[in-house]
N, C-alpha and C. Protein backbone atom coordinates (compact mmCIF):
# COMPACT_ATOMS: atom_id res chain seq x y z
N MET A 1 7.33 -19.12 -6.92
CA MET A 1 6.17 -19.57 -7.54
C MET A 1 5.82 -21.01 -6.92
N THR A 2 4.60 -21.24 -6.92
CA THR A 2 4.25 -22.64 -6.53
C THR A 2 3.99 -23.47 -7.72
N GLU A 3 4.19 -24.84 -7.57
CA GLU A 3 3.99 -25.75 -8.61
C GLU A 3 2.65 -25.73 -9.36
N ASP A 4 1.69 -25.51 -8.45
CA ASP A 4 0.28 -25.58 -8.96
C ASP A 4 -0.15 -24.28 -9.74
N ASN A 5 0.43 -23.05 -9.31
CA ASN A 5 0.03 -21.85 -9.93
C ASN A 5 1.14 -20.88 -10.05
N PRO A 6 1.57 -20.61 -11.19
CA PRO A 6 2.70 -19.57 -11.33
C PRO A 6 2.40 -18.26 -10.96
N ASN A 7 1.08 -17.85 -10.74
CA ASN A 7 0.81 -16.54 -10.27
C ASN A 7 0.87 -16.34 -8.76
N ILE A 8 1.30 -17.45 -8.03
CA ILE A 8 1.43 -17.41 -6.54
C ILE A 8 2.98 -17.56 -6.29
N GLN A 9 3.48 -16.60 -5.55
CA GLN A 9 4.87 -16.71 -5.12
C GLN A 9 4.90 -16.43 -3.62
N THR A 10 5.65 -17.33 -2.88
CA THR A 10 5.92 -17.08 -1.58
C THR A 10 7.17 -16.53 -1.32
N PHE A 11 7.41 -15.91 -0.19
CA PHE A 11 8.70 -15.36 0.19
C PHE A 11 8.92 -15.30 1.65
N ASP A 12 10.17 -15.20 1.96
CA ASP A 12 10.56 -15.25 3.46
C ASP A 12 11.59 -14.10 3.84
N ARG A 13 11.67 -13.15 3.10
CA ARG A 13 12.64 -12.03 3.36
C ARG A 13 11.98 -10.81 3.19
N LEU A 14 12.28 -9.79 4.05
CA LEU A 14 11.69 -8.45 3.92
C LEU A 14 11.95 -7.87 2.57
N SER A 15 13.20 -8.07 1.99
CA SER A 15 13.56 -7.56 0.66
C SER A 15 12.68 -8.12 -0.38
N ASP A 16 12.34 -9.41 -0.28
CA ASP A 16 11.35 -10.04 -1.24
C ASP A 16 9.96 -9.40 -1.18
N TYR A 17 9.53 -9.05 0.04
CA TYR A 17 8.24 -8.39 0.28
C TYR A 17 8.28 -7.00 -0.51
N ALA A 18 9.44 -6.28 -0.32
CA ALA A 18 9.49 -5.00 -0.90
C ALA A 18 9.47 -5.11 -2.33
N THR A 19 10.11 -6.20 -2.99
CA THR A 19 10.03 -6.41 -4.36
C THR A 19 8.61 -6.72 -4.83
N ALA A 20 7.98 -7.57 -4.07
CA ALA A 20 6.62 -7.95 -4.37
C ALA A 20 5.60 -6.76 -4.34
N LEU A 21 5.83 -5.91 -3.40
CA LEU A 21 5.12 -4.72 -3.23
C LEU A 21 5.23 -3.83 -4.42
N ALA A 22 6.54 -3.72 -4.85
CA ALA A 22 6.71 -2.85 -6.09
C ALA A 22 6.03 -3.49 -7.30
N GLN A 23 5.99 -4.81 -7.38
CA GLN A 23 5.28 -5.41 -8.40
C GLN A 23 3.81 -5.13 -8.51
N VAL A 24 3.23 -5.31 -7.32
CA VAL A 24 1.79 -5.01 -7.15
C VAL A 24 1.55 -3.48 -7.48
N CYS A 25 2.34 -2.58 -7.07
CA CYS A 25 2.20 -1.22 -7.44
C CYS A 25 2.24 -1.05 -8.94
N GLY A 26 3.12 -1.83 -9.57
CA GLY A 26 3.31 -1.68 -11.00
C GLY A 26 2.13 -2.30 -11.81
N LEU A 27 1.45 -3.17 -11.24
CA LEU A 27 0.32 -3.89 -11.88
C LEU A 27 -0.90 -3.02 -11.72
N ALA A 28 -1.08 -2.16 -10.79
CA ALA A 28 -2.20 -1.31 -10.64
C ALA A 28 -2.59 -0.51 -11.92
N GLN A 29 -3.73 -0.56 -12.30
CA GLN A 29 -4.33 0.11 -13.41
C GLN A 29 -5.42 1.14 -12.99
N HIS A 30 -6.03 0.99 -11.92
CA HIS A 30 -7.16 1.86 -11.47
C HIS A 30 -7.04 2.19 -9.96
N THR A 31 -6.90 1.22 -9.17
CA THR A 31 -6.90 1.39 -7.72
C THR A 31 -5.77 0.72 -7.07
N LEU A 32 -5.06 1.37 -6.15
CA LEU A 32 -3.94 0.71 -5.40
C LEU A 32 -4.22 1.01 -3.80
N CYS A 33 -4.36 0.02 -3.06
CA CYS A 33 -4.55 0.14 -1.62
C CYS A 33 -3.36 -0.50 -0.95
N VAL A 34 -2.71 0.20 0.00
CA VAL A 34 -1.54 -0.26 0.66
C VAL A 34 -1.72 -0.02 2.17
N PHE A 35 -1.60 -1.08 2.91
CA PHE A 35 -1.71 -0.98 4.40
C PHE A 35 -0.31 -1.48 5.08
N ASP A 36 0.23 -0.60 5.87
CA ASP A 36 1.48 -0.95 6.53
C ASP A 36 1.49 -0.44 7.94
N LYS A 37 2.43 -0.88 8.73
CA LYS A 37 2.66 -0.26 10.02
C LYS A 37 2.99 1.14 9.94
N ASN A 38 4.01 1.53 9.11
CA ASN A 38 4.29 2.87 8.98
C ASN A 38 5.20 3.20 7.75
N PHE A 39 5.37 2.30 6.91
CA PHE A 39 6.24 2.31 5.68
C PHE A 39 7.75 2.40 5.89
N ASP A 40 8.08 2.20 7.14
CA ASP A 40 9.60 2.28 7.43
C ASP A 40 10.14 1.00 6.93
N SER A 41 11.40 1.08 6.51
CA SER A 41 12.17 -0.04 6.07
C SER A 41 11.67 -0.80 4.72
N LEU A 42 10.72 -0.11 3.98
CA LEU A 42 10.30 -0.77 2.80
C LEU A 42 10.80 0.07 1.55
N GLY A 43 11.50 1.23 1.75
CA GLY A 43 12.01 1.96 0.74
C GLY A 43 10.75 2.71 0.10
N PHE A 44 9.61 2.88 0.71
CA PHE A 44 8.56 3.38 0.16
C PHE A 44 8.76 4.90 -0.16
N ASN A 45 9.68 5.56 0.54
CA ASN A 45 9.98 6.89 0.20
C ASN A 45 11.01 7.15 -0.87
N SER A 46 11.50 6.02 -1.47
CA SER A 46 12.64 6.08 -2.44
C SER A 46 11.99 6.79 -3.73
N LEU A 47 13.00 7.15 -4.48
CA LEU A 47 12.75 7.86 -5.76
C LEU A 47 12.07 6.88 -6.71
N ALA A 48 12.42 5.50 -6.63
CA ALA A 48 11.78 4.58 -7.53
C ALA A 48 10.26 4.38 -7.31
N TYR A 49 9.97 4.35 -5.94
CA TYR A 49 8.43 4.29 -5.56
C TYR A 49 7.78 5.63 -5.93
N HIS A 50 8.45 6.75 -5.65
CA HIS A 50 7.87 8.01 -5.94
C HIS A 50 7.54 8.02 -7.45
N ASP A 51 8.45 7.67 -8.25
CA ASP A 51 8.18 7.76 -9.70
C ASP A 51 7.16 6.82 -10.12
N GLN A 52 7.12 5.60 -9.54
CA GLN A 52 6.23 4.59 -10.06
C GLN A 52 4.81 5.02 -9.56
N LEU A 53 4.64 5.50 -8.33
CA LEU A 53 3.25 6.01 -7.89
C LEU A 53 2.87 7.25 -8.63
N ARG A 54 3.80 8.13 -8.96
CA ARG A 54 3.49 9.33 -9.65
C ARG A 54 3.04 8.99 -11.07
N ALA A 55 3.66 8.10 -11.73
CA ALA A 55 3.28 7.61 -13.10
C ALA A 55 1.90 6.97 -13.07
N PHE A 56 1.56 6.18 -11.98
CA PHE A 56 0.31 5.62 -11.86
C PHE A 56 -0.81 6.61 -11.68
N LEU A 57 -0.50 7.73 -10.92
CA LEU A 57 -1.47 8.83 -10.66
C LEU A 57 -1.63 9.69 -11.96
N LEU A 58 -0.52 9.92 -12.66
CA LEU A 58 -0.61 10.76 -13.86
C LEU A 58 -1.21 9.89 -15.01
N SER A 59 -1.23 8.62 -15.04
CA SER A 59 -1.73 7.83 -16.24
C SER A 59 -3.29 7.98 -16.38
N ASN A 60 -3.95 8.31 -15.24
CA ASN A 60 -5.44 8.45 -15.47
C ASN A 60 -5.98 9.32 -14.26
N PRO A 61 -6.63 10.45 -14.54
CA PRO A 61 -7.13 11.28 -13.36
C PRO A 61 -8.12 10.43 -12.41
N ALA A 62 -8.61 9.22 -12.97
CA ALA A 62 -9.61 8.53 -12.21
C ALA A 62 -8.87 7.50 -11.24
N ASN A 63 -7.55 7.37 -11.47
CA ASN A 63 -6.76 6.33 -10.54
C ASN A 63 -6.83 6.92 -9.21
N ARG A 64 -6.79 5.82 -8.22
CA ARG A 64 -6.86 6.22 -6.85
C ARG A 64 -5.72 5.40 -6.16
N LEU A 65 -5.14 6.05 -5.10
CA LEU A 65 -4.11 5.48 -4.28
C LEU A 65 -4.44 5.75 -2.88
N TYR A 66 -4.68 4.62 -2.15
CA TYR A 66 -5.10 4.69 -0.69
C TYR A 66 -3.90 4.06 0.11
N LEU A 67 -3.35 4.97 1.11
CA LEU A 67 -2.24 4.62 1.92
C LEU A 67 -2.92 4.56 3.35
N LEU A 68 -2.77 3.40 3.96
CA LEU A 68 -3.21 3.20 5.32
C LEU A 68 -2.20 2.73 6.23
N VAL A 69 -2.06 3.39 7.39
CA VAL A 69 -0.94 2.96 8.38
C VAL A 69 -1.49 2.91 9.74
N GLN A 70 -0.77 2.16 10.60
CA GLN A 70 -1.09 2.13 11.94
C GLN A 70 -0.75 3.53 12.64
N ASP A 71 0.42 4.06 12.23
CA ASP A 71 0.99 5.19 12.90
C ASP A 71 1.58 6.09 11.74
N ALA A 72 0.95 7.25 11.55
CA ALA A 72 1.43 8.05 10.45
C ALA A 72 2.59 8.95 10.76
N SER A 73 3.16 8.94 11.96
CA SER A 73 4.21 9.76 12.42
C SER A 73 5.44 9.52 11.59
N TYR A 74 5.82 8.46 11.27
CA TYR A 74 7.04 8.08 10.42
C TYR A 74 6.89 8.72 9.00
N VAL A 75 5.76 8.58 8.39
CA VAL A 75 5.44 9.10 7.11
C VAL A 75 5.51 10.63 7.19
N LEU A 76 4.88 11.18 8.13
CA LEU A 76 4.94 12.71 8.28
C LEU A 76 6.26 13.27 8.59
N GLN A 77 7.17 12.48 9.26
CA GLN A 77 8.49 13.03 9.57
C GLN A 77 9.55 12.58 8.55
N HIS A 78 9.40 11.46 7.94
CA HIS A 78 10.58 10.93 7.17
C HIS A 78 10.22 10.59 5.79
N CYS A 79 9.18 11.05 5.29
CA CYS A 79 8.79 10.48 3.87
C CYS A 79 8.30 11.77 3.02
N PRO A 80 9.22 12.66 2.73
CA PRO A 80 8.91 13.86 2.04
C PRO A 80 8.44 13.59 0.62
N ARG A 81 8.82 12.46 -0.06
CA ARG A 81 8.28 12.14 -1.43
C ARG A 81 6.82 11.70 -1.39
N ILE A 82 6.40 11.04 -0.31
CA ILE A 82 5.04 10.61 -0.19
C ILE A 82 4.29 11.74 0.18
N LEU A 83 4.73 12.78 0.98
CA LEU A 83 4.05 13.99 1.19
C LEU A 83 3.98 14.84 -0.06
N SER A 84 4.94 14.82 -0.90
CA SER A 84 4.84 15.66 -2.10
C SER A 84 3.74 15.01 -2.98
N LEU A 85 3.72 13.71 -3.04
CA LEU A 85 2.63 13.10 -3.89
C LEU A 85 1.23 13.54 -3.33
N LEU A 86 1.14 13.49 -2.02
CA LEU A 86 -0.15 13.96 -1.37
C LEU A 86 -0.38 15.35 -1.72
N GLN A 87 0.52 16.18 -1.72
CA GLN A 87 0.31 17.70 -2.02
C GLN A 87 -0.01 17.80 -3.43
N HIS A 88 0.50 17.16 -4.27
CA HIS A 88 0.25 17.27 -5.69
C HIS A 88 -0.88 16.53 -6.25
N PHE A 89 -1.32 15.37 -5.57
CA PHE A 89 -2.34 14.57 -6.10
C PHE A 89 -3.42 14.25 -5.04
N GLY A 90 -3.64 15.29 -4.25
CA GLY A 90 -4.61 15.19 -3.08
C GLY A 90 -5.92 14.72 -3.54
N SER A 91 -6.45 14.99 -4.73
CA SER A 91 -7.74 14.60 -5.21
C SER A 91 -7.75 13.04 -5.59
N GLN A 92 -6.44 12.45 -5.73
CA GLN A 92 -6.43 11.11 -6.18
C GLN A 92 -5.83 10.11 -5.17
N MET A 93 -5.36 10.68 -4.11
CA MET A 93 -4.70 9.86 -3.01
C MET A 93 -4.95 10.42 -1.72
N SER A 94 -4.91 9.45 -0.71
CA SER A 94 -5.07 9.83 0.61
C SER A 94 -4.37 9.05 1.57
N LEU A 95 -4.05 9.62 2.73
CA LEU A 95 -3.25 8.84 3.71
C LEU A 95 -4.19 8.84 5.03
N TYR A 96 -4.44 7.65 5.39
CA TYR A 96 -5.32 7.46 6.63
C TYR A 96 -4.51 6.63 7.76
N GLN A 97 -5.03 6.84 9.00
CA GLN A 97 -4.34 6.17 10.07
C GLN A 97 -5.36 5.37 10.85
N LEU A 98 -5.11 4.06 11.20
CA LEU A 98 -6.02 3.23 11.94
C LEU A 98 -6.33 3.97 13.28
N PRO A 99 -7.50 3.82 13.80
CA PRO A 99 -7.82 4.23 15.13
C PRO A 99 -7.02 3.37 16.17
N GLN A 100 -6.92 3.82 17.38
CA GLN A 100 -6.29 3.12 18.42
C GLN A 100 -6.89 1.65 18.67
N THR A 101 -8.21 1.52 18.49
CA THR A 101 -8.94 0.38 18.74
C THR A 101 -8.52 -0.77 17.74
N LEU A 102 -8.02 -0.29 16.52
CA LEU A 102 -7.65 -1.35 15.51
C LEU A 102 -6.15 -1.48 15.33
N ARG A 103 -5.33 -0.90 16.28
CA ARG A 103 -3.92 -1.13 16.09
C ARG A 103 -3.28 -2.47 16.37
N HIS A 104 -4.17 -3.40 16.75
CA HIS A 104 -3.76 -4.84 16.87
C HIS A 104 -3.67 -5.60 15.57
N ILE A 105 -4.14 -4.93 14.57
CA ILE A 105 -4.12 -5.50 13.11
C ILE A 105 -2.67 -5.48 12.79
N ALA A 106 -2.11 -6.53 12.46
CA ALA A 106 -0.56 -6.59 12.20
C ALA A 106 -0.30 -7.43 11.01
N THR A 107 -1.02 -7.32 9.94
CA THR A 107 -0.88 -8.00 8.72
C THR A 107 -0.67 -6.97 7.53
N PRO A 108 0.48 -6.59 7.17
CA PRO A 108 0.62 -5.68 6.06
C PRO A 108 0.13 -6.34 4.72
N PHE A 109 -0.37 -5.41 3.86
CA PHE A 109 -0.77 -5.97 2.47
C PHE A 109 -1.02 -4.78 1.63
N ALA A 110 -1.10 -5.14 0.33
CA ALA A 110 -1.35 -4.23 -0.78
C ALA A 110 -2.23 -4.94 -1.81
N VAL A 111 -3.16 -4.27 -2.35
CA VAL A 111 -3.96 -4.95 -3.37
C VAL A 111 -4.12 -3.96 -4.53
N ALA A 112 -4.00 -4.39 -5.61
CA ALA A 112 -4.23 -3.53 -6.97
C ALA A 112 -5.37 -4.10 -7.66
N ASP A 113 -6.24 -3.20 -7.86
CA ASP A 113 -7.49 -3.44 -8.79
C ASP A 113 -8.31 -4.65 -8.34
N GLY A 114 -8.24 -5.01 -7.10
CA GLY A 114 -9.03 -6.14 -6.63
C GLY A 114 -8.62 -7.42 -7.29
N THR A 115 -7.35 -7.36 -7.83
CA THR A 115 -6.90 -8.61 -8.54
C THR A 115 -5.56 -9.15 -8.14
N HIS A 116 -4.63 -8.19 -7.85
CA HIS A 116 -3.27 -8.56 -7.45
C HIS A 116 -3.09 -8.20 -5.98
N CYS A 117 -2.48 -9.08 -5.19
CA CYS A 117 -2.29 -8.88 -3.83
C CYS A 117 -1.00 -9.40 -3.33
N VAL A 118 -0.34 -8.69 -2.42
CA VAL A 118 0.82 -9.05 -1.64
C VAL A 118 0.55 -8.88 -0.21
N ARG A 119 0.97 -9.87 0.57
CA ARG A 119 0.65 -9.71 2.06
C ARG A 119 1.68 -10.46 2.82
N ARG A 120 2.01 -9.91 3.94
CA ARG A 120 2.81 -10.68 4.94
C ARG A 120 1.85 -11.16 6.04
N PHE A 121 2.40 -12.19 6.74
CA PHE A 121 1.53 -12.81 7.76
C PHE A 121 1.58 -12.01 8.96
N HIS A 122 2.60 -11.19 9.44
CA HIS A 122 2.72 -10.37 10.47
C HIS A 122 3.76 -9.34 10.28
N PHE A 123 3.56 -8.24 10.84
CA PHE A 123 4.55 -7.16 10.81
C PHE A 123 5.94 -7.52 11.26
N ASP A 124 5.99 -8.39 12.28
CA ASP A 124 7.19 -8.84 12.94
C ASP A 124 7.93 -10.07 12.00
N GLN A 125 7.29 -10.51 11.03
CA GLN A 125 7.77 -11.69 10.30
C GLN A 125 7.89 -11.30 8.78
N PRO A 126 8.94 -11.64 8.12
CA PRO A 126 8.92 -11.38 6.70
C PRO A 126 8.30 -12.19 5.75
N GLN A 127 7.74 -13.35 6.15
CA GLN A 127 7.11 -14.41 5.25
C GLN A 127 5.73 -13.82 4.80
N GLY A 128 5.56 -14.16 3.51
CA GLY A 128 4.28 -13.72 2.87
C GLY A 128 4.05 -14.40 1.53
N VAL A 129 3.11 -13.86 0.82
CA VAL A 129 2.77 -14.35 -0.43
C VAL A 129 2.35 -13.30 -1.38
N LEU A 130 2.69 -13.36 -2.66
CA LEU A 130 2.27 -12.53 -3.76
C LEU A 130 1.21 -13.34 -4.62
N GLU A 131 0.16 -12.76 -4.86
CA GLU A 131 -0.90 -13.55 -5.70
C GLU A 131 -1.32 -12.46 -6.78
N ARG A 132 -0.84 -12.91 -7.95
CA ARG A 132 -1.28 -12.15 -9.24
C ARG A 132 -2.48 -12.79 -9.89
N GLN A 133 -3.32 -11.97 -10.44
CA GLN A 133 -4.49 -12.43 -11.12
C GLN A 133 -5.37 -13.37 -10.32
N ASP A 134 -5.54 -13.00 -9.04
CA ASP A 134 -6.37 -13.78 -8.13
C ASP A 134 -7.55 -12.97 -7.74
N ASN A 135 -8.70 -13.04 -8.44
CA ASN A 135 -9.81 -12.24 -8.29
C ASN A 135 -10.36 -12.55 -6.93
N ALA A 136 -10.55 -13.71 -6.35
CA ALA A 136 -11.15 -14.00 -5.10
C ALA A 136 -10.37 -13.39 -3.95
N ASN A 137 -9.09 -13.66 -3.90
CA ASN A 137 -8.31 -13.18 -2.82
C ASN A 137 -8.24 -11.60 -2.94
N GLY A 138 -8.01 -11.15 -4.19
CA GLY A 138 -7.88 -9.62 -4.42
C GLY A 138 -9.11 -9.01 -3.97
N ARG A 139 -10.33 -9.49 -4.33
CA ARG A 139 -11.59 -8.83 -3.90
C ARG A 139 -11.70 -8.89 -2.30
N HIS A 140 -11.33 -10.07 -1.77
CA HIS A 140 -11.30 -10.15 -0.39
C HIS A 140 -10.46 -9.16 0.40
N TYR A 141 -9.23 -9.03 -0.05
CA TYR A 141 -8.35 -8.03 0.59
C TYR A 141 -8.72 -6.55 0.32
N GLN A 142 -9.41 -6.25 -0.86
CA GLN A 142 -9.77 -4.89 -1.23
C GLN A 142 -10.92 -4.63 -0.24
N SER A 143 -11.87 -5.55 -0.09
CA SER A 143 -12.99 -5.36 0.80
C SER A 143 -12.59 -5.10 2.23
N TYR A 144 -11.66 -6.02 2.63
CA TYR A 144 -10.95 -5.89 3.97
C TYR A 144 -10.34 -4.55 4.20
N PHE A 145 -9.55 -4.15 3.22
CA PHE A 145 -8.90 -2.77 3.21
C PHE A 145 -9.89 -1.76 3.38
N MET A 146 -11.01 -1.77 2.56
CA MET A 146 -12.03 -0.74 2.67
C MET A 146 -12.78 -0.73 4.05
N ASP A 147 -12.94 -1.80 4.58
CA ASP A 147 -13.50 -1.84 5.96
C ASP A 147 -12.56 -1.16 7.02
N LEU A 148 -11.24 -1.42 6.92
CA LEU A 148 -10.29 -0.72 7.73
C LEU A 148 -10.25 0.84 7.42
N TRP A 149 -10.40 1.02 6.22
CA TRP A 149 -10.33 2.51 5.68
C TRP A 149 -11.47 3.29 6.24
N SER A 150 -12.63 2.67 6.19
CA SER A 150 -13.93 3.37 6.62
C SER A 150 -13.85 3.63 8.27
N ALA A 151 -13.05 2.77 8.93
CA ALA A 151 -13.11 2.93 10.30
C ALA A 151 -11.97 3.88 10.73
N SER A 152 -11.23 4.34 9.87
CA SER A 152 -9.87 5.05 10.09
C SER A 152 -10.19 6.62 9.86
N LYS A 153 -8.98 7.32 10.13
CA LYS A 153 -9.21 8.88 10.09
C LYS A 153 -8.09 9.25 9.19
N LYS A 154 -8.54 10.34 8.28
CA LYS A 154 -7.62 10.93 7.32
C LYS A 154 -6.50 11.74 8.16
N VAL A 155 -5.30 11.60 7.51
CA VAL A 155 -4.16 12.44 8.04
C VAL A 155 -4.07 13.59 7.35
N GLY A 156 -4.63 14.68 7.78
CA GLY A 156 -4.40 15.97 7.16
C GLY A 156 -5.13 16.06 5.74
N HIS A 157 -4.97 17.30 5.20
CA HIS A 157 -5.45 17.44 3.83
C HIS A 157 -4.15 17.76 2.90
N ALA A 158 -4.26 17.55 1.64
CA ALA A 158 -3.01 17.77 0.86
C ALA A 158 -2.43 19.13 1.02
N SER A 159 -3.37 20.21 1.12
CA SER A 159 -2.91 21.56 1.32
C SER A 159 -2.17 21.79 2.57
N GLU A 160 -2.28 20.94 3.58
CA GLU A 160 -1.57 21.00 4.84
C GLU A 160 -0.12 20.47 4.75
N PHE A 161 0.24 19.74 3.70
CA PHE A 161 1.57 19.28 3.70
C PHE A 161 2.56 20.24 3.10
N ARG A 162 3.27 20.80 3.91
CA ARG A 162 4.28 21.86 3.44
C ARG A 162 5.71 21.17 3.32
N LEU A 163 6.28 21.22 2.23
CA LEU A 163 7.62 20.62 2.03
C LEU A 163 8.70 21.68 2.07
């Protein structure tokens, strides 16, 4: 936490980022947007994340989960829990992949409800910041995410994921 604002927390370890990402996922009430290189090394396929995301999707049929990756091959090959969620909640969640022209973007982040945001400064560095109840940054990152989303391509349809 910073001295000026208890809703801002900086971190410098990948494990802290994973913890902050789980916090943002837990804070989501309506919309959760997550951008990462490929979700490797975050535990995103763990049972804990699966249960947390499943609970979020079950809590309201209007809830939406958007997953955006630079490269979807890791998710498709090594994340059966994410694929299971896609199969069961295909109307509420989607997995998209950045086009080759945008693969230079290297700042992973997640935003919940346009209010809570966690971001790292670069894929290759663990440092970043968690911002809770920050409407200005939250809206900025949600808008940025949606710009990336609209330029990206959907990775299959839910019915295509066979487990």
